[in-house]
Amino acid sequence: LVMVVEVEGFFGVYMLYCTNPKYKGRIYIGFTVNPERRVTQHNAGRHKGGAKRTSGRGPWSEMLLIIHGFPSDIAALRFEWAWQHPHSSRRLSHVCKRFRKESSLQFHWRVVSNMLQVAPWNRQPLTARWLKQEFKMDFEPHLQPPMHIPIAFGSVTAKKSQQADLSPEETIFKCFLCKGLVKVPEKLSCFHPFCDMRSHVICLAKHFLKSESSHLLPVEGECPSCSKSLLWGTLIRYKNGCFRNLEETTPSSYSVSYTTEVFFL
């Protein structure tokens, strides 16, 4: 049984691996809002929506790795640019250039391992997902991602956001914190059993950040209703329709789509 996780509002940055013997081992880094369709476009060529630099160089394996969970396309595109240009990013100035005996795959894995440790990405509700488990690489001991960034396996698909057919009294809730009215697009909910806490996203973020006033994005906190621990990334994934993902992810060993891509030798 192959588990496919569906995610609403999907923004991902992927690593594509060339299996064509002539170009084998070459890597592409790209952004997508629809990972399944993007691989098809790469293999079909530029005239079918593929990239100029991938056209005619297939076949391409399915994406090996995708980082997803970005709050917006802009956030994902910034991550993509830094992964493509680590030596031009001030956040990655500590990352050494590619070693002589290091493959392109190994180098780009080392780069993204470092990226998940630095701001702002180390506080975002991201998931590192291996789509081709036979290519899976382990994080170096000193490059383990934060515990709120899970390592997942299996396919992921973008799910179109659907407006539920709810009556007016069901579409507006009362914020547990500010007591104001909160609409569904602005709502976060506790997913612990028997807890019906609902709040504005901004209200719960401020509540979580009481002890971390220097930060803008929370990592974790206690539910103001049931007092149970909540990871911010888990709340966001739950809100975005991928709660099933939580059961099949593995924490780190510490406890028309718009696409762009870069070609690497």
C-alpha atoms as a PDB file:
ATOM      1  CA  LEU A   1       0.000   0.000   0.000  1.00  0.00           C
ATOM      2  CA  VAL A   2       1.465   3.317  -1.100  1.00  0.00           C
ATOM      3  CA  MET A   3       0.425   6.276   0.996  1.00  0.00           C
ATOM      4  CA  VAL A   4      -0.136   9.510  -0.902  1.00  0.00           C
ATOM      5  CA  VAL A   5      -0.433  12.620   1.217  1.00  0.00           C
ATOM      6  CA  GLU A   6      -2.698  15.375  -0.069  1.00  0.00           C
ATOM      7  CA  VAL A   7      -1.776  18.953   0.806  1.00  0.00           C
ATOM      8  CA  GLU A   8      -3.824  22.068   0.185  1.00  0.00           C
ATOM      9  CA  GLY A   9      -1.987  25.265  -0.672  1.00  0.00           C
ATOM     10  CA  PHE A  10       1.078  23.283  -1.757  1.00  0.00           C
ATOM     11  CA  PHE A  11       4.406  25.071  -2.272  1.00  0.00           C
ATOM     12  CA  GLY A  12       7.452  22.856  -2.665  1.00  0.00           C
ATOM     13  CA  VAL A  13      11.089  22.992  -3.740  1.00  0.00           C
ATOM     14  CA  TYR A  14      12.362  19.765  -5.263  1.00  0.00           C
ATOM     15  CA  MET A  15      15.520  17.981  -6.338  1.00  0.00           C
ATOM     16  CA  LEU A  16      15.284  16.166  -9.679  1.00  0.00           C
ATOM     17  CA  TYR A  17      17.775  13.486 -10.758  1.00  0.00           C
ATOM     18  CA  CYS A  18      18.610  12.631 -14.383  1.00  0.00           C
ATOM     19  CA  THR A  19      18.626   8.927 -15.294  1.00  0.00           C
ATOM     20  CA  ASN A  20      19.618   9.415 -18.939  1.00  0.00           C
ATOM     21  CA  PRO A  21      23.010   7.597 -19.230  1.00  0.00           C
ATOM     22  CA  LYS A  22      24.416  10.546 -21.169  1.00  0.00           C
ATOM     23  CA  TYR A  23      23.541  13.019 -18.424  1.00  0.00           C
ATOM     24  CA  LYS A  24      23.180  10.663 -15.453  1.00  0.00           C
ATOM     25  CA  GLY A  25      23.718  12.217 -12.067  1.00  0.00           C
ATOM     26  CA  ARG A  26      22.857  15.760 -13.042  1.00  0.00           C
ATOM     27  CA  ILE A  27      20.590  17.589 -10.635  1.00  0.00           C
ATOM     28  CA  TYR A  28      17.831  20.139 -11.074  1.00  0.00           C
ATOM     29  CA  ILE A  29      16.452  22.268  -8.283  1.00  0.00           C
ATOM     30  CA  GLY A  30      12.988  23.686  -8.901  1.00  0.00           C
ATOM     31  CA  PHE A  31       9.847  25.131  -7.382  1.00  0.00           C
ATOM     32  CA  THR A  32       6.392  23.716  -7.987  1.00  0.00           C
ATOM     33  CA  VAL A  33       2.826  23.866  -6.792  1.00  0.00           C
ATOM     34  CA  ASN A  34       2.041  20.506  -8.409  1.00  0.00           C
ATOM     35  CA  PRO A  35       4.827  17.910  -8.022  1.00  0.00           C
ATOM     36  CA  GLU A  36       3.103  15.101  -9.956  1.00  0.00           C
ATOM     37  CA  ARG A  37       2.482  17.240 -13.016  1.00  0.00           C
ATOM     38  CA  ARG A  38       5.926  18.804 -12.901  1.00  0.00           C
ATOM     39  CA  VAL A  39       7.768  15.522 -13.480  1.00  0.00           C
ATOM     40  CA  THR A  40       5.531  14.807 -16.480  1.00  0.00           C
ATOM     41  CA  GLN A  41       6.330  18.249 -17.885  1.00  0.00           C
ATOM     42  CA  HIS A  42      10.083  17.703 -17.485  1.00  0.00           C
ATOM     43  CA  ASN A  43       9.919  14.406 -19.353  1.00  0.00           C
ATOM     44  CA  ALA A  44       7.591  15.748 -22.053  1.00  0.00           C
ATOM     45  CA  GLY A  45       9.913  18.586 -23.022  1.00  0.00           C
ATOM     46  CA  ARG A  46       9.774  22.323 -23.205  1.00  0.00           C
ATOM     47  CA  HIS A  47       6.768  22.427 -25.558  1.00  0.00           C
ATOM     48  CA  LYS A  48       4.713  20.664 -22.883  1.00  0.00           C
ATOM     49  CA  GLY A  49       5.675  23.026 -20.099  1.00  0.00           C
ATOM     50  CA  GLY A  50       9.060  21.538 -19.210  1.00  0.00           C
ATOM     51  CA  ALA A  51      12.198  23.552 -18.642  1.00  0.00           C
ATOM     52  CA  LYS A  52      14.560  24.563 -21.418  1.00  0.00           C
ATOM     53  CA  ARG A  53      17.512  23.000 -19.612  1.00  0.00           C
ATOM     54  CA  THR A  54      15.746  19.691 -18.975  1.00  0.00           C
ATOM     55  CA  SER A  55      14.167  19.380 -22.414  1.00  0.00           C
ATOM     56  CA  GLY A  56      15.688  16.518 -24.406  1.00  0.00           C
ATOM     57  CA  ARG A  57      17.794  15.261 -21.503  1.00  0.00           C
ATOM     58  CA  GLY A  58      15.300  12.794 -20.073  1.00  0.00           C
ATOM     59  CA  PRO A  59      14.176  10.395 -18.933  1.00  0.00           C
ATOM     60  CA  TRP A  60      14.096  11.913 -15.465  1.00  0.00           C
ATOM     61  CA  SER A  61      13.480   9.918 -12.352  1.00  0.00           C
ATOM     62  CA  GLU A  62      10.641  11.021 -10.170  1.00  0.00           C
ATOM     63  CA  MET A  63      11.674  13.788  -7.830  1.00  0.00           C
ATOM     64  CA  LEU A  64      14.059  12.392  -5.242  1.00  0.00           C
ATOM     65  CA  LEU A  65      13.381  14.917  -2.524  1.00  0.00           C
ATOM     66  CA  ILE A  66      10.940  17.743  -1.967  1.00  0.00           C
ATOM     67  CA  ILE A  67      10.858  20.305   0.817  1.00  0.00           C
ATOM     68  CA  HIS A  68       7.319  21.519   1.373  1.00  0.00           C
ATOM     69  CA  GLY A  69       5.210  23.366   3.905  1.00  0.00           C
ATOM     70  CA  PHE A  70       6.215  26.903   2.927  1.00  0.00           C
ATOM     71  CA  PRO A  71       3.640  29.511   3.936  1.00  0.00           C
ATOM     72  CA  SER A  72       3.653  31.134   0.489  1.00  0.00           C
ATOM     73  CA  ASP A  73       5.081  30.891  -3.006  1.00  0.00           C
ATOM     74  CA  ILE A  74       7.451  33.764  -2.216  1.00  0.00           C
ATOM     75  CA  ALA A  75       8.885  31.887   0.775  1.00  0.00           C
ATOM     76  CA  ALA A  76       9.378  28.777  -1.358  1.00  0.00           C
ATOM     77  CA  LEU A  77      10.997  30.729  -4.206  1.00  0.00           C
ATOM     78  CA  ARG A  78      13.480  32.314  -1.792  1.00  0.00           C
ATOM     79  CA  PHE A  79      14.388  28.866  -0.511  1.00  0.00           C
ATOM     80  CA  GLU A  80      14.761  27.632  -4.074  1.00  0.00           C
ATOM     81  CA  TRP A  81      17.072  30.505  -5.008  1.00  0.00           C
ATOM     82  CA  ALA A  82      19.313  29.897  -1.998  1.00  0.00           C
ATOM     83  CA  TRP A  83      19.483  26.163  -2.744  1.00  0.00           C
ATOM     84  CA  GLN A  84      20.446  26.963  -6.329  1.00  0.00           C
ATOM     85  CA  HIS A  85      22.976  29.651  -5.360  1.00  0.00           C
ATOM     86  CA  PRO A  86      24.338  28.757  -1.898  1.00  0.00           C
ATOM     87  CA  HIS A  87      27.521  30.749  -2.397  1.00  0.00           C
ATOM     88  CA  SER A  88      25.567  33.903  -3.229  1.00  0.00           C
ATOM     89  CA  SER A  89      23.286  33.631  -0.208  1.00  0.00           C
ATOM     90  CA  ARG A  90      24.470  35.483   2.895  1.00  0.00           C
ATOM     91  CA  ARG A  91      22.663  32.919   5.038  1.00  0.00           C
ATOM     92  CA  LEU A  92      24.853  30.131   3.629  1.00  0.00           C
ATOM     93  CA  SER A  93      28.241  31.814   3.606  1.00  0.00           C
ATOM     94  CA  HIS A  94      29.507  29.078   5.934  1.00  0.00           C
ATOM     95  CA  VAL A  95      28.793  26.288   3.413  1.00  0.00           C
ATOM     96  CA  CYS A  96      31.934  25.109   1.661  1.00  0.00           C
ATOM     97  CA  LYS A  97      32.051  24.802  -2.106  1.00  0.00           C
ATOM     98  CA  ARG A  98      31.606  21.405  -3.700  1.00  0.00           C
ATOM     99  CA  PHE A  99      34.448  19.030  -2.902  1.00  0.00           C
ATOM    100  CA  ARG A 100      36.371  17.406  -5.737  1.00  0.00           C
ATOM    101  CA  LYS A 101      35.100  13.882  -5.014  1.00  0.00           C
ATOM    102  CA  GLU A 102      31.602  15.000  -4.038  1.00  0.00           C
ATOM    103  CA  SER A 103      28.783  14.135  -6.449  1.00  0.00           C
ATOM    104  CA  SER A 104      26.214  16.759  -7.399  1.00  0.00           C
ATOM    105  CA  LEU A 105      23.606  14.834  -5.405  1.00  0.00           C
ATOM    106  CA  GLN A 106      25.811  14.755  -2.306  1.00  0.00           C
ATOM    107  CA  PHE A 107      26.608  18.456  -2.622  1.00  0.00           C
ATOM    108  CA  HIS A 108      22.993  19.560  -2.932  1.00  0.00           C
ATOM    109  CA  TRP A 109      22.029  17.346  -0.016  1.00  0.00           C
ATOM    110  CA  ARG A 110      24.748  18.985   2.081  1.00  0.00           C
ATOM    111  CA  VAL A 111      23.498  22.419   1.077  1.00  0.00           C
ATOM    112  CA  VAL A 112      19.878  21.734   1.985  1.00  0.00           C
ATOM    113  CA  SER A 113      20.963  20.094   5.259  1.00  0.00           C
ATOM    114  CA  ASN A 114      22.621  23.378   6.188  1.00  0.00           C
ATOM    115  CA  MET A 115      19.641  25.410   5.011  1.00  0.00           C
ATOM    116  CA  LEU A 116      17.269  23.657   7.400  1.00  0.00           C
ATOM    117  CA  GLN A 117      19.471  24.773  10.291  1.00  0.00           C
ATOM    118  CA  VAL A 118      19.485  28.510   9.621  1.00  0.00           C
ATOM    119  CA  ALA A 119      16.884  31.263   9.834  1.00  0.00           C
ATOM    120  CA  PRO A 120      14.309  31.751   8.541  1.00  0.00           C
ATOM    121  CA  TRP A 121      13.893  28.150   7.387  1.00  0.00           C
ATOM    122  CA  ASN A 122      14.686  26.523  10.724  1.00  0.00           C
ATOM    123  CA  ARG A 123      11.517  28.074  12.152  1.00  0.00           C
ATOM    124  CA  GLN A 124       9.167  27.396   9.258  1.00  0.00           C
ATOM    125  CA  PRO A 125       6.714  24.441   9.326  1.00  0.00           C
ATOM    126  CA  LEU A 126       8.590  22.483   6.685  1.00  0.00           C
ATOM    127  CA  THR A 127       8.691  18.783   5.835  1.00  0.00           C
ATOM    128  CA  ALA A 128      11.647  17.052   4.161  1.00  0.00           C
ATOM    129  CA  ARG A 129      10.087  14.309   2.037  1.00  0.00           C
ATOM    130  CA  TRP A 130      11.969  11.565   0.200  1.00  0.00           C
ATOM    131  CA  LEU A 131       9.945  10.509  -2.835  1.00  0.00           C
ATOM    132  CA  LYS A 132      12.488   7.897  -3.952  1.00  0.00           C
ATOM    133  CA  GLN A 133      13.529   6.063  -0.817  1.00  0.00           C
ATOM    134  CA  GLU A 134      16.365   4.196  -2.535  1.00  0.00           C
ATOM    135  CA  PHE A 135      18.178   7.536  -2.876  1.00  0.00           C
ATOM    136  CA  LYS A 136      17.625   8.482   0.766  1.00  0.00           C
ATOM    137  CA  MET A 137      20.589  10.111   2.475  1.00  0.00           C
ATOM    138  CA  ASP A 138      21.026  10.609   6.202  1.00  0.00           C
ATOM    139  CA  PHE A 139      21.700  13.925   7.871  1.00  0.00           C
ATOM    140  CA  GLU A 140      25.189  14.282   9.271  1.00  0.00           C
ATOM    141  CA  PRO A 141      25.143  14.287  13.104  1.00  0.00           C
ATOM    142  CA  HIS A 142      25.981  18.004  13.232  1.00  0.00           C
ATOM    143  CA  LEU A 143      23.389  18.841  10.558  1.00  0.00           C
ATOM    144  CA  GLN A 144      20.261  17.348  12.107  1.00  0.00           C
ATOM    145  CA  PRO A 145      17.195  19.494  11.361  1.00  0.00           C
ATOM    146  CA  PRO A 146      15.068  20.926  14.189  1.00  0.00           C
ATOM    147  CA  MET A 147      12.659  18.454  15.731  1.00  0.00           C
ATOM    148  CA  HIS A 148       9.641  20.271  14.328  1.00  0.00           C
ATOM    149  CA  ILE A 149      10.824  19.535  10.762  1.00  0.00           C
ATOM    150  CA  PRO A 150       9.851  15.893  10.142  1.00  0.00           C
ATOM    151  CA  ILE A 151      11.437  13.538   7.645  1.00  0.00           C
ATOM    152  CA  ALA A 152       8.732  11.863   5.567  1.00  0.00           C
ATOM    153  CA  PHE A 153       8.582   9.200   2.884  1.00  0.00           C
ATOM    154  CA  GLY A 154       6.172   8.604   0.042  1.00  0.00           C
ATOM    155  CA  SER A 155       4.286  10.570  -2.564  1.00  0.00           C
ATOM    156  CA  VAL A 156       2.627  13.919  -2.072  1.00  0.00           C
ATOM    157  CA  THR A 157       0.016  15.537  -4.244  1.00  0.00           C
ATOM    158  CA  ALA A 158      -1.386  19.030  -4.384  1.00  0.00           C
ATOM    159  CA  LYS A 159      -5.025  19.249  -3.402  1.00  0.00           C
ATOM    160  CA  LYS A 160      -7.237  22.021  -4.661  1.00  0.00           C
ATOM    161  CA  SER A 161      -8.717  24.103  -1.875  1.00  0.00           C
ATOM    162  CA  GLN A 162     -12.432  23.568  -1.706  1.00  0.00           C
ATOM    163  CA  GLN A 163     -14.878  25.876  -0.038  1.00  0.00           C
ATOM    164  CA  ALA A 164     -16.989  23.751   2.240  1.00  0.00           C
ATOM    165  CA  ASP A 165     -20.752  24.188   1.964  1.00  0.00           C
ATOM    166  CA  LEU A 166     -21.289  25.364   5.512  1.00  0.00           C
ATOM    167  CA  SER A 167     -24.119  27.343   7.011  1.00  0.00           C
ATOM    168  CA  PRO A 168     -23.270  30.876   8.234  1.00  0.00           C
ATOM    169  CA  GLU A 169     -23.175  29.832  11.889  1.00  0.00           C
ATOM    170  CA  GLU A 170     -20.640  27.115  11.008  1.00  0.00           C
ATOM    171  CA  THR A 171     -18.258  29.381   9.098  1.00  0.00           C
ATOM    172  CA  ILE A 172     -17.565  31.813  11.960  1.00  0.00           C
ATOM    173  CA  PHE A 173     -16.106  30.785  15.308  1.00  0.00           C
ATOM    174  CA  LYS A 174     -15.123  32.551  18.509  1.00  0.00           C
ATOM    175  CA  CYS A 175     -11.418  32.995  19.144  1.00  0.00           C
ATOM    176  CA  PHE A 176     -10.437  31.345  22.418  1.00  0.00           C
ATOM    177  CA  LEU A 177      -7.862  34.065  23.112  1.00  0.00           C
ATOM    178  CA  CYS A 178      -9.262  37.420  22.008  1.00  0.00           C
ATOM    179  CA  LYS A 179     -12.923  36.344  22.108  1.00  0.00           C
ATOM    180  CA  GLY A 180     -13.451  37.955  18.711  1.00  0.00           C
ATOM    181  CA  LEU A 181     -15.030  36.283  15.712  1.00  0.00           C
ATOM    182  CA  VAL A 182     -12.746  34.172  13.538  1.00  0.00           C
ATOM    183  CA  LYS A 183     -13.521  33.010  10.006  1.00  0.00           C
ATOM    184  CA  VAL A 184     -12.362  29.657   8.634  1.00  0.00           C
ATOM    185  CA  PRO A 185      -9.417  31.040   6.555  1.00  0.00           C
ATOM    186  CA  GLU A 186      -8.041  32.754   9.687  1.00  0.00           C
ATOM    187  CA  LYS A 187      -8.601  29.814  12.042  1.00  0.00           C
ATOM    188  CA  LEU A 188      -6.228  27.427  13.779  1.00  0.00           C
ATOM    189  CA  SER A 189      -7.626  24.518  15.774  1.00  0.00           C
ATOM    190  CA  CYS A 190      -6.167  22.228  18.408  1.00  0.00           C
ATOM    191  CA  PHE A 191      -6.205  18.666  17.083  1.00  0.00           C
ATOM    192  CA  HIS A 192      -5.925  16.910  20.441  1.00  0.00           C
ATOM    193  CA  PRO A 193      -8.949  14.711  21.231  1.00  0.00           C
ATOM    194  CA  PHE A 194     -11.797  16.422  23.079  1.00  0.00           C
ATOM    195  CA  CYS A 195     -10.247  19.885  22.700  1.00  0.00           C
ATOM    196  CA  ASP A 196     -12.272  22.366  20.658  1.00  0.00           C
ATOM    197  CA  MET A 197      -9.896  25.322  20.937  1.00  0.00           C
ATOM    198  CA  ARG A 198     -10.067  27.659  17.944  1.00  0.00           C
ATOM    199  CA  SER A 199      -8.254  30.931  17.517  1.00  0.00           C
ATOM    200  CA  HIS A 200      -6.985  33.459  15.034  1.00  0.00           C
ATOM    201  CA  VAL A 201      -3.606  32.485  13.564  1.00  0.00           C
ATOM    202  CA  ILE A 202      -2.087  35.761  14.796  1.00  0.00           C
ATOM    203  CA  CYS A 203      -3.551  35.376  18.306  1.00  0.00           C
ATOM    204  CA  LEU A 204      -2.130  31.895  18.797  1.00  0.00           C
ATOM    205  CA  ALA A 205       1.225  32.944  17.334  1.00  0.00           C
ATOM    206  CA  LYS A 206       1.475  35.788  19.872  1.00  0.00           C
ATOM    207  CA  HIS A 207       0.480  33.397  22.651  1.00  0.00           C
ATOM    208  CA  PHE A 208       3.241  30.958  21.657  1.00  0.00           C
ATOM    209  CA  LEU A 209       5.821  33.755  21.362  1.00  0.00           C
ATOM    210  CA  LYS A 210       5.367  35.189  24.852  1.00  0.00           C
ATOM    211  CA  SER A 211       8.702  33.696  25.904  1.00  0.00           C
ATOM    212  CA  GLU A 212      10.382  34.338  22.533  1.00  0.00           C
ATOM    213  CA  SER A 213       9.542  37.963  21.896  1.00  0.00           C
ATOM    214  CA  SER A 214      12.502  38.432  19.547  1.00  0.00           C
ATOM    215  CA  HIS A 215      11.001  36.016  16.996  1.00  0.00           C
ATOM    216  CA  LEU A 216       8.155  36.489  14.570  1.00  0.00           C
ATOM    217  CA  LEU A 217       7.398  32.831  13.846  1.00  0.00           C
ATOM    218  CA  PRO A 218       6.649  30.378  16.670  1.00  0.00           C
ATOM    219  CA  VAL A 219       7.932  26.824  16.808  1.00  0.00           C
ATOM    220  CA  GLU A 220       5.832  25.313  19.576  1.00  0.00           C
ATOM    221  CA  GLY A 221       3.707  26.123  22.583  1.00  0.00           C
ATOM    222  CA  GLU A 222       0.919  24.940  24.860  1.00  0.00           C
ATOM    223  CA  CYS A 223      -2.704  24.896  23.805  1.00  0.00           C
ATOM    224  CA  PRO A 224      -4.389  27.676  25.804  1.00  0.00           C
ATOM    225  CA  SER A 225      -7.376  25.400  26.374  1.00  0.00           C
ATOM    226  CA  CYS A 226      -6.126  21.854  27.075  1.00  0.00           C
ATOM    227  CA  SER A 227      -2.511  22.850  27.943  1.00  0.00           C
ATOM    228  CA  LYS A 228      -1.104  20.089  25.759  1.00  0.00           C
ATOM    229  CA  SER A 229       1.999  20.691  23.667  1.00  0.00           C
ATOM    230  CA  LEU A 230       1.510  21.799  20.057  1.00  0.00           C
ATOM    231  CA  LEU A 231       4.073  22.192  17.317  1.00  0.00           C
ATOM    232  CA  TRP A 232       3.356  25.203  15.125  1.00  0.00           C
ATOM    233  CA  GLY A 233       4.225  23.238  12.008  1.00  0.00           C
ATOM    234  CA  THR A 234       1.776  20.510  13.009  1.00  0.00           C
ATOM    235  CA  LEU A 235      -0.985  23.091  13.397  1.00  0.00           C
ATOM    236  CA  ILE A 236      -0.243  24.525   9.974  1.00  0.00           C
ATOM    237  CA  ARG A 237      -0.135  21.096   8.332  1.00  0.00           C
ATOM    238  CA  TYR A 238      -3.435  20.248  10.023  1.00  0.00           C
ATOM    239  CA  LYS A 239      -4.946  23.492   8.772  1.00  0.00           C
ATOM    240  CA  ASN A 240      -3.709  22.792   5.233  1.00  0.00           C
ATOM    241  CA  GLY A 241      -5.382  19.414   5.001  1.00  0.00           C
ATOM    242  CA  CYS A 242      -2.470  17.013   5.516  1.00  0.00           C
ATOM    243  CA  PHE A 243      -3.170  15.678   9.002  1.00  0.00           C
ATOM    244  CA  ARG A 244      -2.612  12.105   7.749  1.00  0.00           C
ATOM    245  CA  ASN A 245       0.980  13.137   7.105  1.00  0.00           C
ATOM    246  CA  LEU A 246       1.571  13.400  10.839  1.00  0.00           C
ATOM    247  CA  GLU A 247       1.172   9.674  11.383  1.00  0.00           C
ATOM    248  CA  GLU A 248       3.636   8.589   8.723  1.00  0.00           C
ATOM    249  CA  THR A 249       6.405  11.107   9.260  1.00  0.00           C
ATOM    250  CA  THR A 250       9.597  10.302  11.110  1.00  0.00           C
ATOM    251  CA  PRO A 251      11.208  12.908  13.365  1.00  0.00           C
ATOM    252  CA  SER A 252      14.877  13.616  12.958  1.00  0.00           C
ATOM    253  CA  SER A 253      17.265  11.396  14.866  1.00  0.00           C
ATOM    254  CA  TYR A 254      17.522  14.150  17.435  1.00  0.00           C
ATOM    255  CA  SER A 255      14.585  12.867  19.208  1.00  0.00           C
ATOM    256  CA  VAL A 256      -0.753  25.740 -14.689  1.00  0.00           C
ATOM    257  CA  SER A 257       1.932  25.815 -12.104  1.00  0.00           C
ATOM    258  CA  TYR A 258       4.631  28.442 -11.822  1.00  0.00           C
ATOM    259  CA  THR A 259       7.994  26.731 -11.791  1.00  0.00           C
ATOM    260  CA  THR A 260      11.635  27.647 -12.036  1.00  0.00           C
ATOM    261  CA  GLU A 261      14.642  25.396 -11.952  1.00  0.00           C
ATOM    262  CA  VAL A 262      18.411  25.388 -12.272  1.00  0.00           C
ATOM    263  CA  PHE A 263      20.556  22.800 -13.984  1.00  0.00           C
ATOM    264  CA  PHE A 264      23.672  21.474 -12.246  1.00  0.00           C
ATOM    265  CA  LEU A 265      26.496  19.318 -13.547  1.00  0.00           C
END
